[in-house]
Amino acid sequence: YRSCFYRCIPTGKSAIDSQEPIQLIFTETEKTFDPKTVYGDAPNPTKL
């Protein structure tokens, strides 16, 4: 899982003036969160 800061949106005058659609830029290549390390064997609360 990535952190909540793994992408950004270009800003500034050049991004606003561009005729191209604005695209997300992915800034992280490695996972930063390992749920197994954090939660261990705890059951997944999102599964019913």
N, C-alpha and C. Protein backbone atom coordinates (compact mmCIF):
# COMPACT_ATOMS: atom_id res chain seq x y z
N TYR A 1 0.84 -1.17 0.00
CA TYR A 1 0.00 0.00 0.00
C TYR A 1 0.89 1.23 0.00
N ARG A 2 0.46 2.24 -0.71
CA ARG A 2 1.22 3.48 -0.77
C ARG A 2 0.73 4.45 0.30
N SER A 3 1.52 5.48 0.55
CA SER A 3 1.08 6.52 1.47
C SER A 3 0.00 7.35 0.77
N CYS A 4 -0.61 8.26 1.49
CA CYS A 4 -1.65 9.08 0.88
C CYS A 4 -1.06 10.20 0.02
N PHE A 5 0.27 10.27 -0.08
CA PHE A 5 0.93 11.30 -0.86
C PHE A 5 1.64 10.73 -2.09
N TYR A 6 1.14 9.63 -2.64
CA TYR A 6 1.85 8.97 -3.74
C TYR A 6 1.60 9.57 -5.11
N ARG A 7 0.82 10.60 -5.19
CA ARG A 7 0.57 11.25 -6.48
C ARG A 7 0.40 12.75 -6.28
N CYS A 8 0.57 13.50 -7.36
CA CYS A 8 0.39 14.94 -7.29
C CYS A 8 -0.22 15.43 -8.60
N ILE A 9 -0.72 16.64 -8.58
CA ILE A 9 -1.31 17.27 -9.75
C ILE A 9 -0.45 18.48 -10.09
N PRO A 10 -0.04 18.62 -11.35
CA PRO A 10 0.75 19.79 -11.73
C PRO A 10 -0.05 21.08 -11.49
N THR A 11 0.63 22.09 -10.99
CA THR A 11 -0.01 23.38 -10.75
C THR A 11 0.85 24.49 -11.35
N GLY A 12 0.38 25.68 -11.26
CA GLY A 12 1.14 26.83 -11.76
C GLY A 12 0.65 27.27 -13.12
N LYS A 13 1.20 28.36 -13.58
CA LYS A 13 0.77 28.98 -14.83
C LYS A 13 0.93 28.04 -16.03
N SER A 14 2.04 27.32 -16.09
CA SER A 14 2.25 26.44 -17.25
C SER A 14 1.20 25.33 -17.30
N ALA A 15 0.78 24.83 -16.15
CA ALA A 15 -0.25 23.79 -16.12
C ALA A 15 -1.61 24.37 -16.51
N ILE A 16 -1.88 25.58 -16.08
CA ILE A 16 -3.17 26.22 -16.39
C ILE A 16 -3.25 26.59 -17.86
N ASP A 17 -2.15 27.11 -18.42
CA ASP A 17 -2.14 27.55 -19.81
C ASP A 17 -2.04 26.41 -20.81
N SER A 18 -1.68 25.23 -20.36
CA SER A 18 -1.49 24.10 -21.26
C SER A 18 -2.81 23.69 -21.89
N GLN A 19 -2.75 23.28 -23.13
CA GLN A 19 -3.94 22.79 -23.83
C GLN A 19 -4.14 21.29 -23.58
N GLU A 20 -3.16 20.66 -22.96
CA GLU A 20 -3.24 19.23 -22.67
C GLU A 20 -4.08 19.00 -21.41
N PRO A 21 -4.76 17.86 -21.32
CA PRO A 21 -5.50 17.54 -20.08
C PRO A 21 -4.52 17.37 -18.91
N ILE A 22 -4.93 17.80 -17.75
CA ILE A 22 -4.10 17.65 -16.56
C ILE A 22 -4.12 16.18 -16.14
N GLN A 23 -2.95 15.63 -15.86
CA GLN A 23 -2.84 14.24 -15.46
C GLN A 23 -2.13 14.12 -14.12
N LEU A 24 -2.52 13.11 -13.36
CA LEU A 24 -1.85 12.83 -12.10
C LEU A 24 -0.42 12.36 -12.36
N ILE A 25 0.49 12.75 -11.49
CA ILE A 25 1.87 12.30 -11.55
C ILE A 25 2.09 11.39 -10.35
N PHE A 26 2.50 10.16 -10.61
CA PHE A 26 2.76 9.22 -9.52
C PHE A 26 4.18 9.43 -9.02
N THR A 27 4.33 9.70 -7.71
CA THR A 27 5.61 10.11 -7.15
C THR A 27 6.30 9.02 -6.33
N GLU A 28 5.61 7.96 -5.96
CA GLU A 28 6.21 6.88 -5.18
C GLU A 28 6.23 5.60 -6.00
N THR A 29 7.31 4.86 -5.88
CA THR A 29 7.41 3.60 -6.60
C THR A 29 7.40 2.39 -5.67
N GLU A 30 7.63 2.63 -4.39
CA GLU A 30 7.66 1.53 -3.42
C GLU A 30 6.48 1.64 -2.47
N LYS A 31 6.02 0.49 -2.02
CA LYS A 31 4.95 0.48 -1.02
C LYS A 31 5.53 0.96 0.31
N THR A 32 4.74 1.73 1.04
CA THR A 32 5.24 2.28 2.31
C THR A 32 4.50 1.70 3.52
N PHE A 33 3.50 0.88 3.28
CA PHE A 33 2.67 0.38 4.38
C PHE A 33 2.47 -1.11 4.18
N ASP A 34 2.79 -1.88 5.19
CA ASP A 34 2.58 -3.32 5.15
C ASP A 34 1.56 -3.68 6.23
N PRO A 35 0.32 -3.95 5.85
CA PRO A 35 -0.70 -4.23 6.85
C PRO A 35 -0.39 -5.45 7.72
N LYS A 36 0.32 -6.42 7.18
CA LYS A 36 0.68 -7.60 7.97
C LYS A 36 1.58 -7.21 9.14
N THR A 37 2.50 -6.26 8.91
CA THR A 37 3.39 -5.78 9.96
C THR A 37 2.60 -5.00 11.02
N VAL A 38 1.66 -4.18 10.58
CA VAL A 38 0.90 -3.33 11.49
C VAL A 38 -0.17 -4.10 12.26
N TYR A 39 -0.94 -4.93 11.55
CA TYR A 39 -2.10 -5.58 12.16
C TYR A 39 -1.87 -7.04 12.53
N GLY A 40 -0.79 -7.63 12.04
CA GLY A 40 -0.51 -9.02 12.37
C GLY A 40 -1.60 -9.95 11.86
N ASP A 41 -2.12 -10.79 12.74
CA ASP A 41 -3.14 -11.78 12.36
C ASP A 41 -4.57 -11.31 12.65
N ALA A 42 -4.76 -10.03 12.93
CA ALA A 42 -6.10 -9.52 13.21
C ALA A 42 -7.00 -9.72 11.99
N PRO A 43 -8.27 -10.05 12.21
CA PRO A 43 -9.18 -10.24 11.08
C PRO A 43 -9.42 -8.93 10.33
N ASN A 44 -9.69 -9.04 9.05
CA ASN A 44 -9.95 -7.87 8.20
C ASN A 44 -11.33 -7.30 8.54
N PRO A 45 -11.41 -6.08 9.07
CA PRO A 45 -12.71 -5.51 9.47
C PRO A 45 -13.56 -5.09 8.27
N THR A 46 -13.01 -5.08 7.07
CA THR A 46 -13.79 -4.66 5.91
C THR A 46 -14.52 -5.82 5.25
N LYS A 47 -14.20 -7.04 5.64
CA LYS A 47 -14.88 -8.22 5.08
C LYS A 47 -16.03 -8.61 5.99
N LEU A 48 -17.15 -8.85 5.39
CA LEU A 48 -18.33 -9.24 6.18
C LEU A 48 -18.42 -10.73 6.34
